[in-house]
N, C-alpha and C. Protein backbone atom coordinates (compact mmCIF):
# COMPACT_ATOMS: atom_id res chain seq x y z
N UNK A 1 -7.05 -11.83 24.35
CA UNK A 1 -6.34 -12.16 23.37
C UNK A 1 -6.38 -13.17 22.47
N UNK A 2 -6.04 -13.06 21.38
CA UNK A 2 -6.14 -13.74 19.95
C UNK A 2 -4.86 -14.92 20.28
N UNK A 3 -5.15 -16.12 20.05
CA UNK A 3 -3.97 -16.99 19.98
C UNK A 3 -3.17 -16.61 18.87
N UNK A 4 -1.70 -17.11 19.51
CA UNK A 4 -0.55 -16.46 18.26
C UNK A 4 -0.79 -17.43 16.90
N UNK A 5 -0.87 -18.80 17.35
CA UNK A 5 -0.87 -19.74 16.59
C UNK A 5 -1.76 -19.50 15.53
N UNK A 6 -2.87 -18.94 15.71
CA UNK A 6 -3.99 -18.82 14.31
C UNK A 6 -3.72 -17.55 13.72
N UNK A 7 -2.64 -16.92 13.74
CA UNK A 7 -2.77 -15.37 12.99
C UNK A 7 -1.42 -15.56 12.04
N UNK A 8 -1.61 -15.38 11.31
CA UNK A 8 -0.13 -15.49 10.48
C UNK A 8 -0.14 -14.12 9.74
N UNK A 9 1.27 -13.26 10.01
CA UNK A 9 0.97 -11.69 10.03
C UNK A 9 1.61 -11.69 8.45
N UNK A 10 0.73 -11.30 7.24
CA UNK A 10 1.28 -11.72 6.01
C UNK A 10 1.65 -9.95 5.64
N UNK A 11 1.13 -8.61 5.95
CA UNK A 11 1.83 -7.69 5.73
C UNK A 11 1.86 -6.47 6.79
N UNK A 12 2.29 -5.97 7.57
CA UNK A 12 2.70 -4.90 8.17
C UNK A 12 3.49 -3.55 7.77
N UNK A 13 2.62 -2.57 7.65
CA UNK A 13 3.93 -1.55 6.75
C UNK A 13 3.34 -0.36 7.30
N UNK A 14 4.56 0.61 7.89
CA UNK A 14 4.20 2.04 8.06
C UNK A 14 4.47 2.63 6.92
N UNK A 15 3.70 3.76 6.54
CA UNK A 15 4.04 5.08 5.71
C UNK A 15 3.77 6.05 6.69
N UNK A 16 5.43 6.85 6.01
CA UNK A 16 5.72 8.12 7.27
C UNK A 16 4.81 9.27 6.67
N UNK A 17 4.72 9.57 5.63
CA UNK A 17 4.23 10.72 4.96
C UNK A 17 3.68 10.51 3.55
N UNK A 18 2.30 10.19 3.51
CA UNK A 18 1.38 10.24 2.60
C UNK A 18 1.68 11.45 1.57
N UNK A 19 2.18 10.92 0.33
CA UNK A 19 2.80 11.81 -0.74
C UNK A 19 0.96 12.43 -1.35
N UNK A 20 0.99 13.97 -1.88
CA UNK A 20 -0.34 14.04 -2.49
C UNK A 20 -1.32 13.37 -3.39
N UNK A 21 -0.84 13.13 -4.32
CA UNK A 21 -1.28 11.67 -5.17
C UNK A 21 -1.80 10.46 -4.60
N UNK A 22 -0.72 9.94 -3.83
CA UNK A 22 -1.19 8.90 -3.40
C UNK A 22 -2.29 8.94 -2.63
N UNK A 23 -2.26 9.90 -1.98
CA UNK A 23 -3.04 10.28 -0.60
C UNK A 23 -4.53 10.40 -1.30
N UNK A 24 -4.77 11.27 -2.43
CA UNK A 24 -5.94 11.74 -2.85
C UNK A 24 -6.78 10.65 -3.47
N UNK A 25 -5.48 9.67 -4.01
CA UNK A 25 -6.32 8.37 -4.42
C UNK A 25 -6.75 7.23 -3.40
N UNK A 26 -5.97 7.36 -2.43
CA UNK A 26 -6.38 6.40 -1.42
C UNK A 26 -7.80 6.59 -0.81
N UNK A 27 -7.67 8.20 -0.59
CA UNK A 27 -9.20 8.89 0.16
C UNK A 27 -9.75 8.72 -0.71
N UNK A 28 -10.11 8.74 -1.76
CA UNK A 28 -11.30 8.64 -2.72
C UNK A 28 -11.88 7.15 -2.85
N UNK A 29 -10.78 6.15 -2.02
CA UNK A 29 -11.46 4.94 -2.55
C UNK A 29 -11.78 4.24 -1.28
N UNK A 30 -11.14 4.75 0.05
CA UNK A 30 -11.43 3.96 1.27
C UNK A 30 -12.94 4.73 1.73
N UNK A 31 -13.52 3.57 2.63
CA UNK A 31 -15.02 3.73 3.14
C UNK A 31 -15.17 4.19 4.34
N UNK A 32 -13.96 4.28 4.90
CA UNK A 32 -14.34 4.70 6.35
C UNK A 32 -13.71 6.37 6.50
N UNK A 33 -12.88 6.72 7.44
CA UNK A 33 -12.43 8.01 7.52
C UNK A 33 -11.59 8.31 6.70
N UNK A 34 -11.55 9.21 6.26
CA UNK A 34 -10.41 9.70 5.00
C UNK A 34 -9.19 10.32 5.23
N UNK A 35 -8.10 9.93 4.60
CA UNK A 35 -6.77 10.06 4.80
C UNK A 35 -6.62 11.25 3.67
N UNK A 36 -5.46 12.06 4.44
CA UNK A 36 -5.21 12.90 3.48
C UNK A 36 -3.41 13.26 3.77
N UNK A 37 -2.83 14.28 2.53
CA UNK A 37 -1.65 14.18 2.25
C UNK A 37 -1.09 14.49 3.59
N UNK A 38 0.57 14.17 3.85
CA UNK A 38 1.24 14.25 5.32
C UNK A 38 0.61 13.62 6.30
N UNK A 39 -0.60 12.59 6.49
CA UNK A 39 -0.53 11.68 7.28
C UNK A 39 0.76 10.66 6.90
N UNK A 40 0.36 10.07 8.18
CA UNK A 40 1.02 8.54 8.55
C UNK A 40 0.03 7.16 8.28
N UNK A 41 0.43 6.61 7.48
CA UNK A 41 -0.42 5.22 7.32
C UNK A 41 0.10 3.61 8.01
N UNK A 42 -0.71 3.05 8.35
CA UNK A 42 -0.21 1.87 8.47
C UNK A 42 -1.27 0.80 7.62
N UNK A 43 -0.53 -0.40 7.19
CA UNK A 43 -1.56 -1.12 6.52
C UNK A 43 -1.04 -2.55 6.95
N UNK A 44 -1.97 -3.40 7.66
CA UNK A 44 -1.99 -4.80 8.09
C UNK A 44 -2.77 -5.81 7.47
N UNK A 45 -2.15 -6.92 7.02
CA UNK A 45 -2.98 -8.14 6.33
C UNK A 45 -2.78 -9.45 6.89
N UNK A 46 -3.73 -9.90 7.14
CA UNK A 46 -3.37 -11.20 8.25
C UNK A 46 -4.30 -12.61 7.73
N UNK A 47 -3.80 -13.85 8.02
CA UNK A 47 -4.60 -14.96 7.65
C UNK A 47 -4.69 -15.55 8.88
N UNK A 48 -5.95 -16.47 9.34
CA UNK A 48 -7.20 -16.23 8.26
C UNK A 48 -8.11 -14.61 8.61
N UNK A 49 -8.99 -14.42 7.83
CA UNK A 49 -9.34 -12.92 7.63
C UNK A 49 -9.89 -12.65 8.80
N UNK A 50 -10.72 -13.64 9.44
CA UNK A 50 -11.50 -12.99 10.36
C UNK A 50 -10.27 -12.80 11.72
N UNK A 51 -9.15 -12.74 11.74
CA UNK A 51 -8.37 -12.40 13.08
C UNK A 51 -8.46 -10.64 13.00
N UNK A 52 -8.69 -9.97 11.62
CA UNK A 52 -8.18 -8.40 11.39
C UNK A 52 -9.42 -7.88 12.40
N UNK A 53 -10.39 -8.78 12.66
CA UNK A 53 -11.49 -7.98 13.54
C UNK A 53 -10.96 -7.83 15.07
N UNK A 54 -10.61 -8.38 15.80
CA UNK A 54 -10.12 -8.26 16.68
C UNK A 54 -9.08 -7.32 16.93
N UNK A 55 -7.87 -7.19 16.27
CA UNK A 55 -6.66 -6.30 15.95
C UNK A 55 -7.10 -5.16 15.67
N UNK A 56 -8.32 -4.50 14.81
CA UNK A 56 -8.83 -3.47 14.90
C UNK A 56 -9.62 -3.17 15.80
N UNK A 57 -10.15 -3.56 16.60
CA UNK A 57 -11.05 -3.42 17.93
C UNK A 57 -10.06 -2.63 18.72
N UNK A 58 -8.83 -3.66 18.85
CA UNK A 58 -7.64 -3.69 19.53
C UNK A 58 -6.92 -1.87 18.86
N UNK A 59 -6.88 -1.75 18.12
CA UNK A 59 -6.08 -0.36 17.65
C UNK A 59 -7.05 0.46 17.79
N UNK A 60 -8.25 0.61 18.08
CA UNK A 60 -9.25 1.62 17.86
C UNK A 60 -9.48 1.92 19.22
N UNK A 61 -9.52 1.15 20.27
CA UNK A 61 -9.34 1.21 21.69
C UNK A 61 -8.17 1.78 22.11
N UNK A 62 -7.12 1.40 21.58
CA UNK A 62 -6.06 2.34 21.84
C UNK A 62 -6.00 3.39 21.56
N UNK A 63 -7.08 4.37 20.62
CA UNK A 63 -6.79 5.61 20.67
C UNK A 63 -6.19 6.21 19.42
N UNK A 64 -6.74 7.54 18.74
CA UNK A 64 -5.95 8.30 17.59
C UNK A 64 -6.03 7.74 16.40
N UNK A 65 -5.29 6.72 16.31
CA UNK A 65 -5.38 6.60 14.54
C UNK A 65 -6.94 5.82 13.70
N UNK A 66 -7.28 6.08 13.11
CA UNK A 66 -8.59 6.17 12.47
C UNK A 66 -8.55 5.16 11.30
N UNK A 67 -9.44 4.69 11.37
CA UNK A 67 -9.57 3.30 10.02
C UNK A 67 -10.03 3.85 8.88
N UNK A 68 -9.46 3.61 7.65
CA UNK A 68 -9.97 3.81 6.55
C UNK A 68 -10.93 2.85 5.89
N UNK A 69 -10.30 1.26 6.19
CA UNK A 69 -10.91 0.44 5.39
C UNK A 69 -10.46 -1.02 6.58
N UNK A 70 -11.55 -1.87 6.38
CA UNK A 70 -11.17 -2.82 7.12
C UNK A 70 -12.17 -3.84 5.74
N UNK A 71 -11.68 -5.13 5.28
CA UNK A 71 -11.60 -5.89 4.43
C UNK A 71 -11.19 -7.27 4.88
N UNK A 72 -12.48 -8.15 4.81
CA UNK A 72 -12.22 -9.60 4.91
C UNK A 72 -12.72 -10.38 3.70
N UNK A 73 -11.81 -11.26 3.22
CA UNK A 73 -12.10 -12.06 1.88
C UNK A 73 -11.83 -13.38 2.42
N UNK A 74 -11.94 -14.20 1.78
CA UNK A 74 -11.78 -15.54 1.83
C UNK A 74 -10.39 -16.16 2.73
N UNK A 75 -9.51 -15.54 2.37
CA UNK A 75 -8.68 -16.05 3.01
C UNK A 75 -7.85 -14.98 3.89
N UNK A 76 -7.75 -14.23 3.11
CA UNK A 76 -6.93 -13.00 4.42
C UNK A 76 -7.91 -11.80 4.89
N UNK A 77 -7.56 -10.87 5.87
CA UNK A 77 -8.36 -10.05 5.97
C UNK A 77 -6.94 -8.39 6.32
N UNK A 78 -7.33 -7.55 6.06
CA UNK A 78 -7.11 -6.37 6.02
C UNK A 78 -7.50 -5.12 6.67
N UNK A 79 -6.60 -4.28 7.08
CA UNK A 79 -6.89 -3.27 7.64
C UNK A 79 -5.99 -1.78 7.12
N UNK A 80 -6.64 -0.74 7.31
CA UNK A 80 -6.11 0.59 7.11
C UNK A 80 -6.24 1.52 8.37
N UNK A 81 -5.46 2.20 8.55
CA UNK A 81 -5.17 3.24 9.76
C UNK A 81 -4.55 4.26 9.53
N UNK A 82 -5.04 5.34 9.88
CA UNK A 82 -3.90 6.67 9.34
C UNK A 82 -4.19 7.54 10.66
N UNK A 83 -3.10 8.85 10.95
CA UNK A 83 -3.25 9.92 11.60
C UNK A 83 -2.25 10.72 11.05
N UNK A 84 -2.13 12.35 11.60
CA UNK A 84 -1.20 13.21 11.20
C UNK A 84 -0.23 12.97 12.03
N UNK A 85 -0.10 12.13 13.20
CA UNK A 85 1.03 11.98 14.47
C UNK A 85 1.17 10.44 14.01
N UNK A 86 2.41 10.10 13.72
CA UNK A 86 2.96 8.85 13.19
C UNK A 86 2.91 8.22 14.73
N UNK A 87 3.24 8.50 15.71
CA UNK A 87 3.27 8.11 16.53
C UNK A 87 1.85 7.29 17.04
N UNK A 88 0.68 7.74 16.72
CA UNK A 88 -0.75 7.31 17.09
C UNK A 88 -0.51 5.97 16.22
N UNK A 89 -0.22 5.92 14.94
CA UNK A 89 -0.18 5.14 13.96
C UNK A 89 0.85 3.56 14.34
N UNK A 90 2.05 4.42 14.99
CA UNK A 90 2.81 2.78 15.38
C UNK A 90 2.44 2.27 16.66
N UNK A 91 1.43 3.18 17.90
CA UNK A 91 0.98 2.80 18.65
C UNK A 91 -0.23 1.99 18.70
N UNK A 92 -1.16 2.25 17.63
CA UNK A 92 -2.18 1.44 17.22
C UNK A 92 -1.72 -0.12 16.93
N UNK A 93 -0.57 -0.09 16.21
CA UNK A 93 -0.08 -0.97 15.43
C UNK A 93 0.86 -1.89 16.61
N UNK A 94 1.37 -1.80 17.09
CA UNK A 94 1.98 -2.51 18.35
C UNK A 94 1.06 -3.00 19.16
N UNK A 95 -0.19 -2.13 19.59
CA UNK A 95 -1.40 -2.92 20.15
C UNK A 95 -1.68 -4.05 19.51
N UNK A 96 -1.86 -3.92 18.29
CA UNK A 96 -2.23 -4.85 17.46
C UNK A 96 -1.45 -6.35 17.54
N UNK A 97 -0.34 -6.13 17.46
CA UNK A 97 0.94 -6.99 17.45
C UNK A 97 0.81 -7.82 18.99
N UNK A 98 0.57 -7.06 19.55
CA UNK A 98 0.58 -7.31 21.17
C UNK A 98 -0.29 -8.51 21.68
N UNK A 99 -1.63 -8.11 20.99
CA UNK A 99 -2.69 -8.80 21.25
C UNK A 99 -2.59 -9.72 20.56
N UNK A 100 -1.84 -10.04 19.52
CA UNK A 100 -1.87 -11.31 18.68
C UNK A 100 -0.62 -11.85 19.02
N UNK A 101 0.20 -11.65 19.83
CA UNK A 101 1.32 -12.49 19.61
C UNK A 101 2.32 -12.22 18.91
N UNK A 102 2.13 -11.39 18.34
CA UNK A 102 2.99 -11.50 16.70
C UNK A 102 4.37 -10.33 17.04
N UNK A 103 5.29 -10.17 16.16
CA UNK A 103 6.38 -9.49 15.97
C UNK A 103 6.28 -9.08 14.54
N UNK A 104 6.79 -7.50 14.32
CA UNK A 104 7.11 -7.28 12.89
C UNK A 104 8.02 -8.12 12.09
N UNK A 105 8.94 -8.61 12.92
CA UNK A 105 9.84 -9.74 12.41
C UNK A 105 9.06 -11.02 11.90
N UNK A 106 7.98 -11.22 12.37
CA UNK A 106 7.09 -12.55 11.66
C UNK A 106 6.30 -11.87 10.29
N UNK A 107 6.46 -10.67 10.08
CA UNK A 107 5.30 -10.76 9.07
C UNK A 107 5.98 -10.96 7.63
N UNK A 108 5.47 -11.49 6.66
CA UNK A 108 5.94 -11.70 5.50
C UNK A 108 6.79 -11.11 4.48
N UNK A 109 7.80 -10.74 3.55
CA UNK A 109 8.82 -10.01 2.83
C UNK A 109 7.85 -9.75 1.98
N UNK A 110 8.12 -8.59 1.43
CA UNK A 110 7.52 -8.25 0.04
C UNK A 110 8.35 -9.28 -1.08
N UNK A 111 7.73 -9.82 -2.14
CA UNK A 111 8.19 -9.81 -3.21
C UNK A 111 7.55 -9.53 -4.47
N UNK A 112 8.98 -9.14 -5.01
CA UNK A 112 8.47 -8.15 -6.55
C UNK A 112 8.02 -9.54 -7.23
N UNK A 113 6.78 -9.72 -8.05
CA UNK A 113 6.80 -10.65 -8.63
C UNK A 113 7.13 -9.90 -10.22
N UNK A 114 6.48 -9.07 -10.36
CA UNK A 114 7.00 -8.60 -11.85
C UNK A 114 7.10 -7.03 -12.13
N UNK A 115 8.18 -6.53 -12.65
CA UNK A 115 8.10 -4.98 -12.80
C UNK A 115 9.24 -4.37 -14.50
N UNK A 116 8.39 -3.77 -15.04
CA UNK A 116 8.77 -3.42 -16.30
C UNK A 116 8.50 -1.81 -16.44
N UNK A 117 9.02 -1.17 -17.24
CA UNK A 117 8.95 0.07 -18.11
C UNK A 117 8.92 0.03 -19.08
N UNK A 118 7.55 0.40 -19.68
CA UNK A 118 7.04 0.56 -21.19
C UNK A 118 7.26 1.91 -21.82
N UNK A 119 8.52 2.14 -22.68
CA UNK A 119 8.65 3.54 -23.10
C UNK A 119 7.70 4.05 -24.25
N UNK A 120 7.35 5.00 -24.62
CA UNK A 120 6.24 5.76 -25.57
C UNK A 120 5.52 4.77 -25.65
N UNK A 121 4.56 4.59 -24.74
CA UNK A 121 3.37 3.98 -24.62
C UNK A 121 2.24 4.25 -26.10
N UNK A 122 1.93 3.34 -26.44
CA UNK A 122 1.19 3.67 -27.91
C UNK A 122 -0.09 3.78 -27.63
N UNK A 123 -0.94 4.75 -28.60
CA UNK A 123 -2.13 5.42 -27.74
C UNK A 123 -3.32 4.32 -27.52
N UNK A 124 -2.88 3.08 -28.08
CA UNK A 124 -4.27 2.30 -27.94
C UNK A 124 -4.40 1.47 -26.53
N UNK A 125 -2.78 1.28 -26.51
CA UNK A 125 -2.58 0.79 -25.00
C UNK A 125 -2.95 1.87 -23.77
N UNK A 126 -2.92 2.88 -24.15
CA UNK A 126 -3.09 4.05 -23.17
C UNK A 126 -4.41 4.19 -22.89
N UNK A 127 -5.38 3.94 -23.99
CA UNK A 127 -6.78 3.82 -23.91
C UNK A 127 -6.91 2.73 -23.19
N UNK A 128 -6.86 1.56 -23.32
CA UNK A 128 -7.08 0.17 -22.74
C UNK A 128 -6.72 0.47 -21.42
N UNK A 129 -5.48 1.04 -20.82
CA UNK A 129 -5.28 1.06 -19.47
C UNK A 129 -6.30 2.51 -18.40
N UNK A 130 -6.69 3.31 -19.33
CA UNK A 130 -7.09 4.32 -18.83
C UNK A 130 -8.75 3.91 -18.75
N UNK A 131 -8.98 2.88 -19.63
CA UNK A 131 -10.55 3.04 -19.14
C UNK A 131 -10.60 1.33 -18.13
N UNK A 132 -9.28 0.79 -17.99
CA UNK A 132 -9.34 -0.38 -17.06
C UNK A 132 -9.39 -0.39 -15.31
N UNK A 133 -10.30 0.41 -14.94
CA UNK A 133 -10.48 0.77 -13.19
C UNK A 133 -9.03 1.82 -13.02
N UNK A 134 -8.95 2.74 -13.84
CA UNK A 134 -8.05 3.94 -13.26
C UNK A 134 -8.73 4.86 -12.58
N UNK A 135 -8.02 5.04 -11.63
CA UNK A 135 -8.25 5.74 -10.34
C UNK A 135 -7.27 7.18 -10.07
N UNK A 136 -6.39 7.46 -10.64
CA UNK A 136 -5.60 8.62 -10.74
C UNK A 136 -5.41 9.34 -12.27
N UNK A 137 -4.30 9.71 -12.66
CA UNK A 137 -4.09 10.19 -13.75
C UNK A 137 -4.44 9.50 -14.94
N UNK A 138 -4.36 10.55 -15.97
CA UNK A 138 -4.97 9.94 -17.31
C UNK A 138 -3.38 9.43 -18.12
N UNK A 139 -3.30 8.42 -18.16
CA UNK A 139 -1.76 7.99 -19.29
C UNK A 139 -1.71 8.69 -20.32
N UNK A 140 -0.42 9.25 -20.51
CA UNK A 140 -1.17 9.91 -22.49
C UNK A 140 0.11 9.37 -23.19
N UNK A 141 -0.38 9.05 -24.51
CA UNK A 141 0.15 8.36 -25.55
C UNK A 141 1.82 9.11 -25.72
N UNK A 142 2.77 8.18 -25.58
CA UNK A 142 4.19 8.64 -25.62
C UNK A 142 4.75 9.07 -24.55
N UNK A 143 4.07 8.48 -23.15
CA UNK A 143 4.97 8.48 -21.64
C UNK A 143 5.60 7.34 -21.54
N UNK A 144 6.27 7.27 -20.47
CA UNK A 144 6.89 6.19 -20.21
C UNK A 144 6.13 5.83 -19.02
N UNK A 145 6.13 4.77 -18.95
CA UNK A 145 4.99 3.76 -18.07
C UNK A 145 5.59 2.51 -16.99
N UNK A 146 5.71 2.94 -15.84
CA UNK A 146 6.24 1.75 -14.86
C UNK A 146 5.36 1.01 -14.18
N UNK A 147 4.96 -0.44 -14.81
CA UNK A 147 4.20 -1.40 -13.96
C UNK A 147 4.86 -2.23 -12.83
N UNK A 148 4.39 -2.23 -11.86
CA UNK A 148 5.35 -3.57 -11.21
C UNK A 148 3.79 -4.27 -9.88
N UNK A 149 4.44 -5.45 -9.73
CA UNK A 149 3.61 -6.35 -8.76
C UNK A 149 4.33 -6.61 -8.07
N UNK A 150 3.95 -6.76 -6.55
CA UNK A 150 4.04 -7.43 -5.39
C UNK A 150 3.37 -8.51 -4.64
N UNK A 151 3.82 -9.47 -3.85
CA UNK A 151 3.17 -10.05 -2.94
C UNK A 151 3.46 -10.07 -1.86
N UNK A 152 3.10 -10.04 -0.55
CA UNK A 152 1.34 -9.82 -0.70
C UNK A 152 1.12 -8.32 -0.81
N UNK A 153 -0.02 -8.09 -1.36
CA UNK A 153 -0.63 -7.03 -2.19
C UNK A 153 -0.18 -5.66 -1.32
N UNK A 154 -0.84 -5.67 -0.08
CA UNK A 154 -0.35 -4.39 0.83
C UNK A 154 0.57 -3.55 0.73
N UNK A 155 1.79 -4.01 0.33
CA UNK A 155 3.21 -3.82 0.13
C UNK A 155 3.03 -2.61 -1.07
N UNK A 156 2.17 -2.89 -1.94
CA UNK A 156 2.25 -1.83 -3.26
C UNK A 156 2.31 -0.29 -2.49
N UNK A 157 1.62 -0.15 -1.26
CA UNK A 157 1.27 1.14 -0.78
C UNK A 157 2.37 1.84 -0.22
N UNK A 158 3.08 1.22 -0.30
CA UNK A 158 4.83 1.59 0.37
C UNK A 158 5.47 2.00 -1.19
N UNK A 159 5.23 1.02 -1.93
CA UNK A 159 6.45 1.13 -3.26
C UNK A 159 5.90 2.69 -3.97
N UNK A 160 4.40 2.65 -3.98
CA UNK A 160 3.52 3.80 -4.58
C UNK A 160 4.12 5.27 -4.11
N UNK A 161 4.38 5.14 -2.66
CA UNK A 161 4.47 6.32 -1.89
C UNK A 161 5.72 7.02 -2.12
N UNK A 162 6.97 6.00 -1.96
CA UNK A 162 8.26 6.42 -2.27
C UNK A 162 8.40 6.66 -3.77
N UNK A 163 7.52 5.98 -4.54
CA UNK A 163 7.98 6.23 -5.88
C UNK A 163 7.41 7.67 -6.10
N UNK A 164 6.25 8.21 -5.75
CA UNK A 164 6.23 9.92 -5.60
C UNK A 164 6.76 11.03 -4.92
N UNK A 165 7.28 10.21 -4.17
CA UNK A 165 8.28 10.99 -3.09
C UNK A 165 9.69 11.53 -3.94
N UNK A 166 9.94 10.41 -5.24
CA UNK A 166 11.23 10.00 -5.44
C UNK A 166 11.30 10.91 -7.11
N UNK A 167 10.26 10.98 -7.51
CA UNK A 167 10.35 11.87 -9.15
C UNK A 167 9.17 12.28 -9.47
N UNK A 168 9.48 13.09 -10.37
CA UNK A 168 8.28 13.88 -10.58
C UNK A 168 7.35 13.32 -11.90
N UNK A 169 6.19 12.14 -11.24
CA UNK A 169 5.44 11.21 -12.03
C UNK A 169 4.43 11.40 -11.72
N UNK A 170 3.41 10.87 -12.40
CA UNK A 170 1.83 10.76 -12.21
C UNK A 170 1.46 9.34 -11.89
N UNK A 171 0.65 8.87 -10.93
CA UNK A 171 0.02 7.91 -10.36
C UNK A 171 -1.38 7.74 -11.32
N UNK A 172 -1.22 6.74 -12.21
CA UNK A 172 -2.22 6.21 -12.83
C UNK A 172 -3.39 5.48 -12.18
N UNK A 173 -2.86 4.63 -11.56
CA UNK A 173 -3.45 3.85 -11.05
C UNK A 173 -2.85 2.78 -9.82
N UNK A 174 -3.23 2.04 -8.47
CA UNK A 174 -2.72 1.08 -7.99
C UNK A 174 -4.01 0.44 -7.23
N UNK A 175 -3.78 -0.93 -6.94
CA UNK A 175 -4.29 -1.86 -6.06
C UNK A 175 -3.52 -2.50 -5.01
N UNK A 176 -3.95 -2.22 -3.96
CA UNK A 176 -3.72 -2.72 -2.85
C UNK A 176 -4.21 -3.88 -2.03
N UNK A 177 -5.37 -4.62 -2.82
CA UNK A 177 -5.92 -5.79 -2.22
C UNK A 177 -5.87 -6.88 -3.59
N UNK A 178 -5.79 -8.02 -2.79
CA UNK A 178 -5.75 -9.25 -3.74
C UNK A 178 -4.68 -10.09 -3.40
N UNK A 179 -4.33 -11.00 -4.32
CA UNK A 179 -3.16 -11.72 -4.19
C UNK A 179 -1.81 -10.91 -4.56
N UNK A 180 -1.76 -9.55 -5.65
CA UNK A 180 -0.84 -9.20 -6.08
C UNK A 180 -1.17 -7.98 -6.00
N UNK A 181 -0.56 -7.13 -5.18
CA UNK A 181 -0.47 -5.49 -5.26
C UNK A 181 0.01 -5.09 -6.85
N UNK A 182 -0.57 -4.09 -7.38
CA UNK A 182 -0.07 -3.66 -8.62
C UNK A 182 0.04 -2.04 -8.76
N UNK A 183 0.63 -1.47 -9.22
CA UNK A 183 1.22 0.13 -9.75
C UNK A 183 1.18 -0.24 -11.42
N UNK A 184 0.69 1.62 -11.29
CA UNK A 184 0.76 1.99 -12.68
C UNK A 184 1.45 3.78 -12.51
N UNK A 185 2.69 3.63 -13.05
CA UNK A 185 3.01 5.33 -12.48
C UNK A 185 3.62 5.80 -13.92
N UNK A 186 3.28 7.11 -14.24
CA UNK A 186 3.70 7.35 -15.68
C UNK A 186 4.37 8.90 -15.52
N UNK A 187 5.25 9.18 -16.83
CA UNK A 187 5.78 10.36 -17.05
C UNK A 187 6.94 10.36 -17.91
N UNK A 188 7.89 11.46 -18.08
CA UNK A 188 9.08 11.37 -18.49
C UNK A 188 10.04 10.00 -18.24
N UNK A 189 10.67 9.23 -19.07
CA UNK A 189 11.29 8.52 -18.71
C UNK A 189 12.59 8.13 -17.75
N UNK A 190 13.17 9.51 -17.33
CA UNK A 190 13.94 9.60 -16.78
C UNK A 190 13.38 9.53 -15.27
N UNK A 191 11.99 9.97 -15.03
CA UNK A 191 11.57 10.28 -13.99
C UNK A 191 10.66 8.98 -13.25
N UNK A 192 10.15 8.18 -14.52
CA UNK A 192 10.02 6.58 -14.17
C UNK A 192 11.01 5.71 -13.71
N UNK A 193 11.84 6.10 -14.44
CA UNK A 193 13.22 4.97 -13.90
C UNK A 193 13.70 5.60 -12.55
N UNK A 194 13.78 6.85 -11.92
CA UNK A 194 13.90 7.19 -10.90
C UNK A 194 12.69 6.39 -9.96
N UNK A 195 11.38 7.01 -10.57
CA UNK A 195 10.49 6.07 -9.30
C UNK A 195 10.33 4.43 -9.38
N UNK A 196 11.05 3.83 -10.41
CA UNK A 196 11.13 2.55 -10.41
C UNK A 196 12.27 1.74 -9.10
N UNK A 197 13.76 2.92 -9.44
CA UNK A 197 14.38 2.51 -8.69
C UNK A 197 13.90 2.99 -6.92
N UNK A 198 12.98 4.00 -6.85
CA UNK A 198 12.99 4.15 -5.06
C UNK A 198 11.67 3.00 -4.89
N UNK A 199 11.05 2.27 -5.77
CA UNK A 199 10.01 1.69 -5.14
C UNK A 199 10.76 0.47 -4.69
N UNK A 200 11.63 -0.25 -5.84
CA UNK A 200 12.48 -1.34 -5.56
C UNK A 200 13.13 -1.07 -4.34
N UNK A 201 13.62 0.07 -3.92
CA UNK A 201 14.46 -0.44 -2.81
C UNK A 201 13.80 -0.05 -1.36
N UNK A 202 12.69 0.50 -1.65
CA UNK A 202 11.59 0.21 -0.47
C UNK A 202 11.01 -1.26 -0.41
N UNK A 203 11.01 -1.93 -1.20
CA UNK A 203 10.77 -3.25 -1.35
C UNK A 203 11.67 -4.05 -0.45
N UNK A 204 13.06 -3.91 -1.21
CA UNK A 204 14.42 -4.51 -0.83
C UNK A 204 14.69 -4.40 0.74
N UNK A 205 14.43 -3.02 1.47
CA UNK A 205 14.37 -2.51 2.71
C UNK A 205 13.73 -3.16 3.39
N UNK A 206 12.37 -3.52 3.27
CA UNK A 206 10.93 -4.04 4.16
C UNK A 206 11.87 -5.58 4.00
N UNK A 207 12.23 -6.18 2.97
CA UNK A 207 12.60 -7.59 2.85
C UNK A 207 13.80 -7.93 3.91
N UNK A 208 14.66 -6.91 3.99
CA UNK A 208 15.97 -6.95 4.86
C UNK A 208 15.64 -6.69 6.35
N UNK A 209 14.73 -6.20 6.50
CA UNK A 209 14.38 -5.00 8.50
C UNK A 209 13.97 -6.42 9.13
């Protein structure tokens, strides 16, 4: 049993249905079991970071959901689990929370640190973004570009997935690790605006749940 007072639940977020682009990018980055489109997914981040070891141990012994990564940094520890059965993901999450003496009500709510839409992206800026850690689609000059940052970082996973659900956009890249999570999605302006609204709505829903 993990001492409840030792663990702060920074992020706890379930993704019900991983979208094709989001899943493809995530699957290319994880170092553990590969995730696929259509799977459910769980991200958990705690402080101190070492607390994540026991929590993942509990989740894996629950059975079903498979781990994509376990990351321990100076301050925080994070893990990702996935399964085609959302019930398996939820059971693993519930087991972890019980072992740590936590509830989802104690998770930190997401905070949108910044968000902006750039219209008709300049060719030079497009090239810089494409060269700077791109894992998804190429940003084409003239497209609209949404950039969003949230804290804690792992919540950006839900924002990206909901953006893809809602609009015909391209995911250029996103980052779920670090102090801030960041996404870049591109496409026609109307579609990018729809993606922006969906991502913001997802963050708002988590903040009030």
